Amino acid sequence: MLKGSHWFEMVPVYAELWWRMFQSLTHQRPWGFPGWTRSLVISQLAIGLLSTLLIDPLSSVLLGLSLIQPLVRLRKPTPPLRAVVRQSGTAVCLGVILASLIRTDLQWVAGIA
């Protein structure tokens, strides 16, 4: 999640690490990750890029929208459940849950704590 300016401060640090990973994977520099396999570096690179550049910023936006959704649903008249499921707010709430589950699952599969 975005916490103040921490995300913006860390992106250059992550970008430098990702660039080193990319250069090591493409044999542009010596292997700088002792004890790591190529597949582990590739998975760390993919998860890092997806997490930092896509999931973290979008999760923050979607989380804010999903917190408002229950308040909006309290207004009268309340539509039937079938109509509620097809509304965009429900999709946003489900998107936040799905993105969180995907991120957690990818981190678990890659062995990141």
PDB file of N, CA and C in Angstrom:
ATOM      1  N   MET A   1       0.834  -1.186   0.000  1.00  0.00           N
ATOM      2  CA  MET A   1       0.000   0.000   0.000  1.00  0.00           C
ATOM      3  C   MET A   1       0.877   1.248   0.000  1.00  0.00           C
ATOM      4  N   LEU A   2       0.306   2.315  -0.471  1.00  0.00           N
ATOM      5  CA  LEU A   2       1.031   3.581  -0.457  1.00  0.00           C
ATOM      6  C   LEU A   2       0.993   4.165   0.946  1.00  0.00           C
ATOM      7  N   LYS A   3       2.143   4.519   1.460  1.00  0.00           N
ATOM      8  CA  LYS A   3       2.217   5.133   2.783  1.00  0.00           C
ATOM      9  C   LYS A   3       2.996   6.419   2.640  1.00  0.00           C
ATOM     10  N   GLY A   4       2.280   7.515   2.477  1.00  0.00           N
ATOM     11  CA  GLY A   4       2.927   8.806   2.324  1.00  0.00           C
ATOM     12  C   GLY A   4       3.846   8.820   1.126  1.00  0.00           C
ATOM     13  N   SER A   5       5.049   9.299   1.328  1.00  0.00           N
ATOM     14  CA  SER A   5       5.995   9.394   0.224  1.00  0.00           C
ATOM     15  C   SER A   5       6.941   8.200   0.166  1.00  0.00           C
ATOM     16  N   HIS A   6       6.754   7.218   1.042  1.00  0.00           N
ATOM     17  CA  HIS A   6       7.662   6.069   1.079  1.00  0.00           C
ATOM     18  C   HIS A   6       7.713   5.361  -0.275  1.00  0.00           C
ATOM     19  N   TRP A   7       6.561   5.178  -0.898  1.00  0.00           N
ATOM     20  CA  TRP A   7       6.511   4.490  -2.182  1.00  0.00           C
ATOM     21  C   TRP A   7       7.345   5.233  -3.217  1.00  0.00           C
ATOM     22  N   PHE A   8       7.197   6.564  -3.241  1.00  0.00           N
ATOM     23  CA  PHE A   8       7.922   7.367  -4.216  1.00  0.00           C
ATOM     24  C   PHE A   8       9.424   7.365  -3.941  1.00  0.00           C
ATOM     25  N   GLU A   9       9.800   7.271  -2.679  1.00  0.00           N
ATOM     26  CA  GLU A   9      11.217   7.217  -2.328  1.00  0.00           C
ATOM     27  C   GLU A   9      11.837   5.877  -2.701  1.00  0.00           C
ATOM     28  N   MET A  10      11.060   4.809  -2.634  1.00  0.00           N
ATOM     29  CA  MET A  10      11.596   3.469  -2.858  1.00  0.00           C
ATOM     30  C   MET A  10      11.642   3.076  -4.329  1.00  0.00           C
ATOM     31  N   VAL A  11      10.857   3.695  -5.188  1.00  0.00           N
ATOM     32  CA  VAL A  11      10.839   3.308  -6.598  1.00  0.00           C
ATOM     33  C   VAL A  11      12.225   3.398  -7.241  1.00  0.00           C
ATOM     34  N   PRO A  12      13.006   4.468  -7.031  1.00  0.00           N
ATOM     35  CA  PRO A  12      14.360   4.470  -7.626  1.00  0.00           C
ATOM     36  C   PRO A  12      15.254   3.350  -7.091  1.00  0.00           C
ATOM     37  N   VAL A  13      15.109   3.011  -5.827  1.00  0.00           N
ATOM     38  CA  VAL A  13      15.894   1.917  -5.243  1.00  0.00           C
ATOM     39  C   VAL A  13      15.503   0.594  -5.911  1.00  0.00           C
ATOM     40  N   TYR A  14      14.199   0.366  -6.035  1.00  0.00           N
ATOM     41  CA  TYR A  14      13.724  -0.845  -6.697  1.00  0.00           C
ATOM     42  C   TYR A  14      14.151  -0.872  -8.164  1.00  0.00           C
ATOM     43  N   ALA A  15      14.052   0.264  -8.843  1.00  0.00           N
ATOM     44  CA  ALA A  15      14.418   0.334 -10.261  1.00  0.00           C
ATOM     45  C   ALA A  15      15.885  -0.035 -10.463  1.00  0.00           C
ATOM     46  N   GLU A  16      16.741   0.412  -9.565  1.00  0.00           N
ATOM     47  CA  GLU A  16      18.161   0.073  -9.660  1.00  0.00           C
ATOM     48  C   GLU A  16      18.357  -1.433  -9.472  1.00  0.00           C
ATOM     49  N   LEU A  17      17.655  -2.034  -8.518  1.00  0.00           N
ATOM     50  CA  LEU A  17      17.732  -3.484  -8.301  1.00  0.00           C
ATOM     51  C   LEU A  17      17.208  -4.237  -9.519  1.00  0.00           C
ATOM     52  N   TRP A  18      16.073  -3.798 -10.053  1.00  0.00           N
ATOM     53  CA  TRP A  18      15.510  -4.467 -11.227  1.00  0.00           C
ATOM     54  C   TRP A  18      16.453  -4.366 -12.420  1.00  0.00           C
ATOM     55  N   TRP A  19      17.104  -3.214 -12.568  1.00  0.00           N
ATOM     56  CA  TRP A  19      18.041  -3.041 -13.667  1.00  0.00           C
ATOM     57  C   TRP A  19      19.230  -3.984 -13.510  1.00  0.00           C
ATOM     58  N   ARG A  20      19.745  -4.133 -12.281  1.00  0.00           N
ATOM     59  CA  ARG A  20      20.835  -5.084 -12.025  1.00  0.00           C
ATOM     60  C   ARG A  20      20.392  -6.512 -12.335  1.00  0.00           C
ATOM     61  N   MET A  21      19.167  -6.856 -11.934  1.00  0.00           N
ATOM     62  CA  MET A  21      18.639  -8.194 -12.216  1.00  0.00           C
ATOM     63  C   MET A  21      18.558  -8.426 -13.724  1.00  0.00           C
ATOM     64  N   PHE A  22      18.011  -7.441 -14.425  1.00  0.00           N
ATOM     65  CA  PHE A  22      17.882  -7.558 -15.874  1.00  0.00           C
ATOM     66  C   PHE A  22      19.244  -7.722 -16.537  1.00  0.00           C
ATOM     67  N   GLN A  23      20.215  -6.909 -16.126  1.00  0.00           N
ATOM     68  CA  GLN A  23      21.552  -7.009 -16.708  1.00  0.00           C
ATOM     69  C   GLN A  23      22.199  -8.357 -16.406  1.00  0.00           C
ATOM     70  N   SER A  24      21.987  -8.870 -15.205  1.00  0.00           N
ATOM     71  CA  SER A  24      22.546 -10.186 -14.872  1.00  0.00           C
ATOM     72  C   SER A  24      21.877 -11.284 -15.688  1.00  0.00           C
ATOM     73  N   LEU A  25      20.576 -11.180 -15.884  1.00  0.00           N
ATOM     74  CA  LEU A  25      19.852 -12.195 -16.646  1.00  0.00           C
ATOM     75  C   LEU A  25      20.222 -12.177 -18.128  1.00  0.00           C
ATOM     76  N   THR A  26      20.569 -11.016 -18.647  1.00  0.00           N
ATOM     77  CA  THR A  26      20.922 -10.906 -20.068  1.00  0.00           C
ATOM     78  C   THR A  26      22.432 -10.937 -20.291  1.00  0.00           C
ATOM     79  N   HIS A  27      23.187 -11.326 -19.268  1.00  0.00           N
ATOM     80  CA  HIS A  27      24.648 -11.472 -19.337  1.00  0.00           C
ATOM     81  C   HIS A  27      25.359 -10.173 -19.692  1.00  0.00           C
ATOM     82  N   GLN A  28      24.803  -9.048 -19.306  1.00  0.00           N
ATOM     83  CA  GLN A  28      25.452  -7.757 -19.529  1.00  0.00           C
ATOM     84  C   GLN A  28      26.381  -7.401 -18.369  1.00  0.00           C
ATOM     85  N   ARG A  29      26.244  -8.107 -17.271  1.00  0.00           N
ATOM     86  CA  ARG A  29      27.123  -7.919 -16.112  1.00  0.00           C
ATOM     87  C   ARG A  29      27.278  -9.263 -15.422  1.00  0.00           C
ATOM     88  N   PRO A  30      28.317  -9.415 -14.590  1.00  0.00           N
ATOM     89  CA  PRO A  30      28.510 -10.681 -13.868  1.00  0.00           C
ATOM     90  C   PRO A  30      27.310 -10.971 -12.952  1.00  0.00           C
ATOM     91  N   TRP A  31      27.133 -12.257 -12.671  1.00  0.00           N
ATOM     92  CA  TRP A  31      26.011 -12.676 -11.832  1.00  0.00           C
ATOM     93  C   TRP A  31      26.202 -12.103 -10.435  1.00  0.00           C
ATOM     94  N   GLY A  32      25.297 -11.241 -10.030  1.00  0.00           N
ATOM     95  CA  GLY A  32      25.431 -10.558  -8.754  1.00  0.00           C
ATOM     96  C   GLY A  32      24.487 -11.055  -7.684  1.00  0.00           C
ATOM     97  N   PHE A  33      23.962 -12.273  -7.847  1.00  0.00           N
ATOM     98  CA  PHE A  33      22.997 -12.808  -6.899  1.00  0.00           C
ATOM     99  C   PHE A  33      23.414 -14.210  -6.474  1.00  0.00           C
ATOM    100  N   PRO A  34      24.480 -14.305  -5.651  1.00  0.00           N
ATOM    101  CA  PRO A  34      24.969 -15.624  -5.255  1.00  0.00           C
ATOM    102  C   PRO A  34      23.896 -16.389  -4.462  1.00  0.00           C
ATOM    103  N   GLY A  35      23.770 -17.654  -4.787  1.00  0.00           N
ATOM    104  CA  GLY A  35      22.791 -18.503  -4.116  1.00  0.00           C
ATOM    105  C   GLY A  35      21.404 -18.438  -4.733  1.00  0.00           C
ATOM    106  N   TRP A  36      21.203 -17.581  -5.712  1.00  0.00           N
ATOM    107  CA  TRP A  36      19.900 -17.456  -6.368  1.00  0.00           C
ATOM    108  C   TRP A  36      19.970 -18.131  -7.726  1.00  0.00           C
ATOM    109  N   THR A  37      18.916 -18.826  -8.091  1.00  0.00           N
ATOM    110  CA  THR A  37      18.832 -19.401  -9.429  1.00  0.00           C
ATOM    111  C   THR A  37      18.273 -18.351 -10.383  1.00  0.00           C
ATOM    112  N   ARG A  38      18.437 -18.616 -11.673  1.00  0.00           N
ATOM    113  CA  ARG A  38      17.898 -17.689 -12.676  1.00  0.00           C
ATOM    114  C   ARG A  38      16.374 -17.582 -12.545  1.00  0.00           C
ATOM    115  N   SER A  39      15.707 -18.703 -12.292  1.00  0.00           N
ATOM    116  CA  SER A  39      14.243 -18.667 -12.184  1.00  0.00           C
ATOM    117  C   SER A  39      13.798 -17.855 -10.967  1.00  0.00           C
ATOM    118  N   LEU A  40      14.553 -17.910  -9.887  1.00  0.00           N
ATOM    119  CA  LEU A  40      14.202 -17.109  -8.714  1.00  0.00           C
ATOM    120  C   LEU A  40      14.377 -15.615  -9.009  1.00  0.00           C
ATOM    121  N   VAL A  41      15.427 -15.257  -9.703  1.00  0.00           N
ATOM    122  CA  VAL A  41      15.646 -13.849 -10.061  1.00  0.00           C
ATOM    123  C   VAL A  41      14.542 -13.375 -10.998  1.00  0.00           C
ATOM    124  N   ILE A  42      14.168 -14.210 -11.955  1.00  0.00           N
ATOM    125  CA  ILE A  42      13.086 -13.840 -12.880  1.00  0.00           C
ATOM    126  C   ILE A  42      11.781 -13.649 -12.132  1.00  0.00           C
ATOM    127  N   SER A  43      11.467 -14.562 -11.206  1.00  0.00           N
ATOM    128  CA  SER A  43      10.212 -14.423 -10.456  1.00  0.00           C
ATOM    129  C   SER A  43      10.250 -13.199  -9.544  1.00  0.00           C
ATOM    130  N   GLN A  44      11.387 -12.926  -8.923  1.00  0.00           N
ATOM    131  CA  GLN A  44      11.504 -11.733  -8.078  1.00  0.00           C
ATOM    132  C   GLN A  44      11.336 -10.469  -8.913  1.00  0.00           C
ATOM    133  N   LEU A  45      11.915 -10.465 -10.096  1.00  0.00           N
ATOM    134  CA  LEU A  45      11.804  -9.318 -10.993  1.00  0.00           C
ATOM    135  C   LEU A  45      10.348  -9.103 -11.415  1.00  0.00           C
ATOM    136  N   ALA A  46       9.684 -10.164 -11.834  1.00  0.00           N
ATOM    137  CA  ALA A  46       8.287 -10.051 -12.278  1.00  0.00           C
ATOM    138  C   ALA A  46       7.374  -9.625 -11.138  1.00  0.00           C
ATOM    139  N   ILE A  47       7.523 -10.237  -9.991  1.00  0.00           N
ATOM    140  CA  ILE A  47       6.666  -9.903  -8.848  1.00  0.00           C
ATOM    141  C   ILE A  47       6.940  -8.480  -8.382  1.00  0.00           C
ATOM    142  N   GLY A  48       8.206  -8.102  -8.352  1.00  0.00           N
ATOM    143  CA  GLY A  48       8.545  -6.745  -7.933  1.00  0.00           C
ATOM    144  C   GLY A  48       7.953  -5.699  -8.849  1.00  0.00           C
ATOM    145  N   LEU A  49       8.080  -5.919 -10.152  1.00  0.00           N
ATOM    146  CA  LEU A  49       7.511  -4.961 -11.112  1.00  0.00           C
ATOM    147  C   LEU A  49       5.994  -4.887 -10.993  1.00  0.00           C
ATOM    148  N   LEU A  50       5.343  -6.041 -10.979  1.00  0.00           N
ATOM    149  CA  LEU A  50       3.881  -6.049 -10.873  1.00  0.00           C
ATOM    150  C   LEU A  50       3.408  -5.431  -9.563  1.00  0.00           C
ATOM    151  N   SER A  51       4.041  -5.814  -8.492  1.00  0.00           N
ATOM    152  CA  SER A  51       3.619  -5.339  -7.178  1.00  0.00           C
ATOM    153  C   SER A  51       3.837  -3.840  -7.017  1.00  0.00           C
ATOM    154  N   THR A  52       5.025  -3.371  -7.323  1.00  0.00           N
ATOM    155  CA  THR A  52       5.362  -1.972  -7.071  1.00  0.00           C
ATOM    156  C   THR A  52       4.707  -1.017  -8.050  1.00  0.00           C
ATOM    157  N   LEU A  53       4.670  -1.386  -9.311  1.00  0.00           N
ATOM    158  CA  LEU A  53       4.188  -0.449 -10.318  1.00  0.00           C
ATOM    159  C   LEU A  53       2.715  -0.595 -10.653  1.00  0.00           C
ATOM    160  N   LEU A  54       2.103  -1.732 -10.314  1.00  0.00           N
ATOM    161  CA  LEU A  54       0.707  -1.932 -10.689  1.00  0.00           C
ATOM    162  C   LEU A  54      -0.192  -2.164  -9.483  1.00  0.00           C
ATOM    163  N   ILE A  55       0.105  -3.186  -8.721  1.00  0.00           N
ATOM    164  CA  ILE A  55      -0.816  -3.584  -7.652  1.00  0.00           C
ATOM    165  C   ILE A  55      -0.839  -2.582  -6.501  1.00  0.00           C
ATOM    166  N   ASP A  56       0.329  -2.106  -6.040  1.00  0.00           N
ATOM    167  CA  ASP A  56       0.344  -1.159  -4.920  1.00  0.00           C
ATOM    168  C   ASP A  56      -0.427   0.127  -5.224  1.00  0.00           C
ATOM    169  N   PRO A  57      -0.141   0.808  -6.332  1.00  0.00           N
ATOM    170  CA  PRO A  57      -0.911   2.040  -6.592  1.00  0.00           C
ATOM    171  C   PRO A  57      -2.391   1.779  -6.840  1.00  0.00           C
ATOM    172  N   LEU A  58      -2.711   0.733  -7.590  1.00  0.00           N
ATOM    173  CA  LEU A  58      -4.117   0.456  -7.867  1.00  0.00           C
ATOM    174  C   LEU A  58      -4.857  -0.011  -6.622  1.00  0.00           C
ATOM    175  N   SER A  59      -4.194  -0.780  -5.773  1.00  0.00           N
ATOM    176  CA  SER A  59      -4.841  -1.235  -4.545  1.00  0.00           C
ATOM    177  C   SER A  59      -5.233  -0.060  -3.660  1.00  0.00           C
ATOM    178  N   SER A  60      -4.383   0.944  -3.606  1.00  0.00           N
ATOM    179  CA  SER A  60      -4.703   2.110  -2.789  1.00  0.00           C
ATOM    180  C   SER A  60      -5.939   2.831  -3.317  1.00  0.00           C
ATOM    181  N   VAL A  61      -6.010   2.992  -4.620  1.00  0.00           N
ATOM    182  CA  VAL A  61      -7.179   3.644  -5.220  1.00  0.00           C
ATOM    183  C   VAL A  61      -8.419   2.788  -5.033  1.00  0.00           C
ATOM    184  N   LEU A  62      -8.286   1.505  -5.337  1.00  0.00           N
ATOM    185  CA  LEU A  62      -9.435   0.611  -5.230  1.00  0.00           C
ATOM    186  C   LEU A  62      -9.877   0.427  -3.785  1.00  0.00           C
ATOM    187  N   LEU A  63      -8.929   0.448  -2.860  1.00  0.00           N
ATOM    188  CA  LEU A  63      -9.296   0.317  -1.458  1.00  0.00           C
ATOM    189  C   LEU A  63     -10.155   1.495  -1.019  1.00  0.00           C
ATOM    190  N   GLY A  64      -9.763   2.691  -1.430  1.00  0.00           N
ATOM    191  CA  GLY A  64     -10.575   3.866  -1.097  1.00  0.00           C
ATOM    192  C   GLY A  64     -11.975   3.765  -1.662  1.00  0.00           C
ATOM    193  N   LEU A  65     -12.077   3.319  -2.890  1.00  0.00           N
ATOM    194  CA  LEU A  65     -13.400   3.154  -3.505  1.00  0.00           C
ATOM    195  C   LEU A  65     -14.208   2.054  -2.825  1.00  0.00           C
ATOM    196  N   SER A  66     -13.530   0.977  -2.433  1.00  0.00           N
ATOM    197  CA  SER A  66     -14.263  -0.121  -1.800  1.00  0.00           C
ATOM    198  C   SER A  66     -14.737   0.238  -0.403  1.00  0.00           C
ATOM    199  N   LEU A  67     -14.060   1.183   0.264  1.00  0.00           N
ATOM    200  CA  LEU A  67     -14.536   1.620   1.572  1.00  0.00           C
ATOM    201  C   LEU A  67     -15.786   2.487   1.455  1.00  0.00           C
ATOM    202  N   ILE A  68     -15.916   3.207   0.354  1.00  0.00           N
ATOM    203  CA  ILE A  68     -17.086   4.049   0.135  1.00  0.00           C
ATOM    204  C   ILE A  68     -18.296   3.226  -0.303  1.00  0.00           C
ATOM    205  N   GLN A  69     -18.044   2.128  -0.968  1.00  0.00           N
ATOM    206  CA  GLN A  69     -19.131   1.319  -1.530  1.00  0.00           C
ATOM    207  C   GLN A  69     -20.198   0.931  -0.500  1.00  0.00           C
ATOM    208  N   PRO A  70     -19.844   0.438   0.685  1.00  0.00           N
ATOM    209  CA  PRO A  70     -20.915   0.088   1.643  1.00  0.00           C
ATOM    210  C   PRO A  70     -21.764   1.296   2.049  1.00  0.00           C
ATOM    211  N   LEU A  71     -21.144   2.462   2.157  1.00  0.00           N
ATOM    212  CA  LEU A  71     -21.919   3.658   2.506  1.00  0.00           C
ATOM    213  C   LEU A  71     -22.915   4.017   1.408  1.00  0.00           C
ATOM    214  N   VAL A  72     -22.482   3.878   0.175  1.00  0.00           N
ATOM    215  CA  VAL A  72     -23.377   4.161  -0.947  1.00  0.00           C
ATOM    216  C   VAL A  72     -24.510   3.144  -0.988  1.00  0.00           C
ATOM    217  N   ARG A  73     -24.222   1.899  -0.644  1.00  0.00           N
ATOM    218  CA  ARG A  73     -25.244   0.846  -0.685  1.00  0.00           C
ATOM    219  C   ARG A  73     -26.300   1.026   0.400  1.00  0.00           C
ATOM    220  N   LEU A  74     -26.034   1.848   1.421  1.00  0.00           N
ATOM    221  CA  LEU A  74     -27.014   2.058   2.485  1.00  0.00           C
ATOM    222  C   LEU A  74     -28.163   2.963   2.055  1.00  0.00           C
ATOM    223  N   ARG A  75     -27.996   3.674   0.940  1.00  0.00           N
ATOM    224  CA  ARG A  75     -29.053   4.559   0.466  1.00  0.00           C
ATOM    225  C   ARG A  75     -30.267   3.759   0.033  1.00  0.00           C
ATOM    226  N   LYS A  76     -31.417   4.359   0.192  1.00  0.00           N
ATOM    227  CA  LYS A  76     -32.664   3.738  -0.259  1.00  0.00           C
ATOM    228  C   LYS A  76     -32.949   4.221  -1.660  1.00  0.00           C
ATOM    229  N   PRO A  77     -33.625   3.539  -2.507  1.00  0.00           N
ATOM    230  CA  PRO A  77     -34.055   2.145  -2.384  1.00  0.00           C
ATOM    231  C   PRO A  77     -32.909   1.182  -2.685  1.00  0.00           C
ATOM    232  N   THR A  78     -32.910   0.069  -2.010  1.00  0.00           N
ATOM    233  CA  THR A  78     -31.880  -0.932  -2.197  1.00  0.00           C
ATOM    234  C   THR A  78     -32.298  -1.871  -3.333  1.00  0.00           C
ATOM    235  N   PRO A  79     -31.449  -2.007  -4.367  1.00  0.00           N
ATOM    236  CA  PRO A  79     -31.812  -2.898  -5.477  1.00  0.00           C
ATOM    237  C   PRO A  79     -31.672  -4.367  -5.083  1.00  0.00           C
ATOM    238  N   PRO A  80     -32.238  -5.262  -5.877  1.00  0.00           N
ATOM    239  CA  PRO A  80     -32.076  -6.697  -5.586  1.00  0.00           C
ATOM    240  C   PRO A  80     -30.604  -7.122  -5.717  1.00  0.00           C
ATOM    241  N   LEU A  81     -30.273  -8.228  -5.078  1.00  0.00           N
ATOM    242  CA  LEU A  81     -28.891  -8.721  -5.058  1.00  0.00           C
ATOM    243  C   LEU A  81     -28.344  -8.930  -6.469  1.00  0.00           C
ATOM    244  N   ARG A  82     -29.170  -9.425  -7.371  1.00  0.00           N
ATOM    245  CA  ARG A  82     -28.733  -9.662  -8.751  1.00  0.00           C
ATOM    246  C   ARG A  82     -28.246  -8.365  -9.406  1.00  0.00           C
ATOM    247  N   ALA A  83     -28.925  -7.275  -9.152  1.00  0.00           N
ATOM    248  CA  ALA A  83     -28.530  -5.983  -9.716  1.00  0.00           C
ATOM    249  C   ALA A  83     -27.281  -5.444  -9.023  1.00  0.00           C
ATOM    250  N   VAL A  84     -27.157  -5.677  -7.728  1.00  0.00           N
ATOM    251  CA  VAL A  84     -25.996  -5.192  -6.977  1.00  0.00           C
ATOM    252  C   VAL A  84     -24.716  -5.852  -7.480  1.00  0.00           C
ATOM    253  N   VAL A  85     -24.765  -7.144  -7.766  1.00  0.00           N
ATOM    254  CA  VAL A  85     -23.582  -7.878  -8.211  1.00  0.00           C
ATOM    255  C   VAL A  85     -23.067  -7.328  -9.537  1.00  0.00           C
ATOM    256  N   ARG A  86     -23.949  -6.812 -10.385  1.00  0.00           N
ATOM    257  CA  ARG A  86     -23.536  -6.299 -11.693  1.00  0.00           C
ATOM    258  C   ARG A  86     -23.109  -4.837 -11.664  1.00  0.00           C
ATOM    259  N   GLN A  87     -23.178  -4.183 -10.527  1.00  0.00           N
ATOM    260  CA  GLN A  87     -22.787  -2.780 -10.450  1.00  0.00           C
ATOM    261  C   GLN A  87     -21.273  -2.641 -10.329  1.00  0.00           C
ATOM    262  N   SER A  88     -20.770  -1.481 -10.791  1.00  0.00           N
ATOM    263  CA  SER A  88     -19.320  -1.289 -10.834  1.00  0.00           C
ATOM    264  C   SER A  88     -18.680  -1.271  -9.449  1.00  0.00           C
ATOM    265  N   GLY A  89     -19.349  -0.781  -8.445  1.00  0.00           N
ATOM    266  CA  GLY A  89     -18.789  -0.755  -7.097  1.00  0.00           C
ATOM    267  C   GLY A  89     -18.491  -2.144  -6.570  1.00  0.00           C
ATOM    268  N   THR A  90     -19.358  -3.068  -6.896  1.00  0.00           N
ATOM    269  CA  THR A  90     -19.128  -4.446  -6.487  1.00  0.00           C
ATOM    270  C   THR A  90     -17.894  -5.000  -7.195  1.00  0.00           C
ATOM    271  N   ALA A  91     -17.743  -4.660  -8.467  1.00  0.00           N
ATOM    272  CA  ALA A  91     -16.560  -5.105  -9.212  1.00  0.00           C
ATOM    273  C   ALA A  91     -15.284  -4.532  -8.599  1.00  0.00           C
ATOM    274  N   VAL A  92     -15.333  -3.290  -8.144  1.00  0.00           N
ATOM    275  CA  VAL A  92     -14.165  -2.670  -7.514  1.00  0.00           C
ATOM    276  C   VAL A  92     -13.816  -3.397  -6.226  1.00  0.00           C
ATOM    277  N   CYS A  93     -14.796  -3.650  -5.406  1.00  0.00           N
ATOM    278  CA  CYS A  93     -14.546  -4.362  -4.145  1.00  0.00           C
ATOM    279  C   CYS A  93     -13.951  -5.746  -4.417  1.00  0.00           C
ATOM    280  N   LEU A  94     -14.517  -6.445  -5.377  1.00  0.00           N
ATOM    281  CA  LEU A  94     -13.990  -7.759  -5.717  1.00  0.00           C
ATOM    282  C   LEU A  94     -12.592  -7.656  -6.329  1.00  0.00           C
ATOM    283  N   GLY A  95     -12.328  -6.587  -7.073  1.00  0.00           N
ATOM    284  CA  GLY A  95     -11.002  -6.372  -7.650  1.00  0.00           C
ATOM    285  C   GLY A  95      -9.933  -6.196  -6.584  1.00  0.00           C
ATOM    286  N   VAL A  96     -10.259  -5.459  -5.528  1.00  0.00           N
ATOM    287  CA  VAL A  96      -9.309  -5.274  -4.422  1.00  0.00           C
ATOM    288  C   VAL A  96      -9.012  -6.607  -3.752  1.00  0.00           C
ATOM    289  N   ILE A  97     -10.042  -7.374  -3.516  1.00  0.00           N
ATOM    290  CA  ILE A  97      -9.850  -8.678  -2.884  1.00  0.00           C
ATOM    291  C   ILE A  97      -9.030  -9.586  -3.788  1.00  0.00           C
ATOM    292  N   LEU A  98      -9.357  -9.615  -5.076  1.00  0.00           N
ATOM    293  CA  LEU A  98      -8.637 -10.465  -6.010  1.00  0.00           C
ATOM    294  C   LEU A  98      -7.172 -10.056  -6.142  1.00  0.00           C
ATOM    295  N   ALA A  99      -6.910  -8.750  -6.256  1.00  0.00           N
ATOM    296  CA  ALA A  99      -5.526  -8.279  -6.371  1.00  0.00           C
ATOM    297  C   ALA A  99      -4.726  -8.630  -5.118  1.00  0.00           C
ATOM    298  N   SER A 100      -5.334  -8.488  -3.958  1.00  0.00           N
ATOM    299  CA  SER A 100      -4.643  -8.839  -2.714  1.00  0.00           C
ATOM    300  C   SER A 100      -4.334 -10.337  -2.659  1.00  0.00           C
ATOM    301  N   LEU A 101      -5.289 -11.146  -3.085  1.00  0.00           N
ATOM    302  CA  LEU A 101      -5.062 -12.588  -3.094  1.00  0.00           C
ATOM    303  C   LEU A 101      -3.982 -12.982  -4.097  1.00  0.00           C
ATOM    304  N   ILE A 102      -4.000 -12.358  -5.276  1.00  0.00           N
ATOM    305  CA  ILE A 102      -2.979 -12.665  -6.286  1.00  0.00           C
ATOM    306  C   ILE A 102      -1.600 -12.278  -5.772  1.00  0.00           C
ATOM    307  N   ARG A 103      -1.510 -11.106  -5.171  1.00  0.00           N
ATOM    308  CA  ARG A 103      -0.211 -10.660  -4.657  1.00  0.00           C
ATOM    309  C   ARG A 103       0.296 -11.607  -3.572  1.00  0.00           C
ATOM    310  N   THR A 104      -0.575 -11.960  -2.652  1.00  0.00           N
ATOM    311  CA  THR A 104      -0.187 -12.870  -1.576  1.00  0.00           C
ATOM    312  C   THR A 104       0.212 -14.221  -2.142  1.00  0.00           C
ATOM    313  N   ASP A 105      -0.558 -14.721  -3.108  1.00  0.00           N
ATOM    314  CA  ASP A 105      -0.264 -16.017  -3.697  1.00  0.00           C
ATOM    315  C   ASP A 105       1.053 -15.987  -4.462  1.00  0.00           C
ATOM    316  N   LEU A 106       1.302 -14.934  -5.231  1.00  0.00           N
ATOM    317  CA  LEU A 106       2.568 -14.835  -5.967  1.00  0.00           C
ATOM    318  C   LEU A 106       3.746 -14.759  -5.009  1.00  0.00           C
ATOM    319  N   GLN A 107       3.594 -14.019  -3.921  1.00  0.00           N
ATOM    320  CA  GLN A 107       4.675 -13.939  -2.958  1.00  0.00           C
ATOM    321  C   GLN A 107       4.902 -15.293  -2.292  1.00  0.00           C
ATOM    322  N   TRP A 108       3.847 -16.028  -2.015  1.00  0.00           N
ATOM    323  CA  TRP A 108       3.970 -17.331  -1.391  1.00  0.00           C
ATOM    324  C   TRP A 108       4.640 -18.312  -2.351  1.00  0.00           C
ATOM    325  N   VAL A 109       4.219 -18.307  -3.622  1.00  0.00           N
ATOM    326  CA  VAL A 109       4.800 -19.209  -4.610  1.00  0.00           C
ATOM    327  C   VAL A 109       6.276 -18.910  -4.818  1.00  0.00           C
ATOM    328  N   ALA A 110       6.639 -17.618  -4.840  1.00  0.00           N
ATOM    329  CA  ALA A 110       8.035 -17.245  -5.064  1.00  0.00           C
ATOM    330  C   ALA A 110       8.887 -17.394  -3.809  1.00  0.00           C
ATOM    331  N   GLY A 111       8.247 -17.625  -2.669  1.00  0.00           N
ATOM    332  CA  GLY A 111       8.992 -17.795  -1.429  1.00  0.00           C
ATOM    333  C   GLY A 111       9.387 -16.498  -0.773  1.00  0.00           C
ATOM    334  N   ILE A 112       8.649 -15.431  -1.069  1.00  0.00           N
ATOM    335  CA  ILE A 112       8.924 -14.127  -0.447  1.00  0.00           C
ATOM    336  C   ILE A 112       8.069 -14.020   0.801  1.00  0.00           C
ATOM    337  N   ALA A 113       8.677 -13.609   1.884  1.00  0.00           N
ATOM    338  CA  ALA A 113       7.895 -13.466   3.129  1.00  0.00           C
ATOM    339  C   ALA A 113       7.334 -12.077   3.236  1.00  0.00           C
TER     340      ALA A 113
END
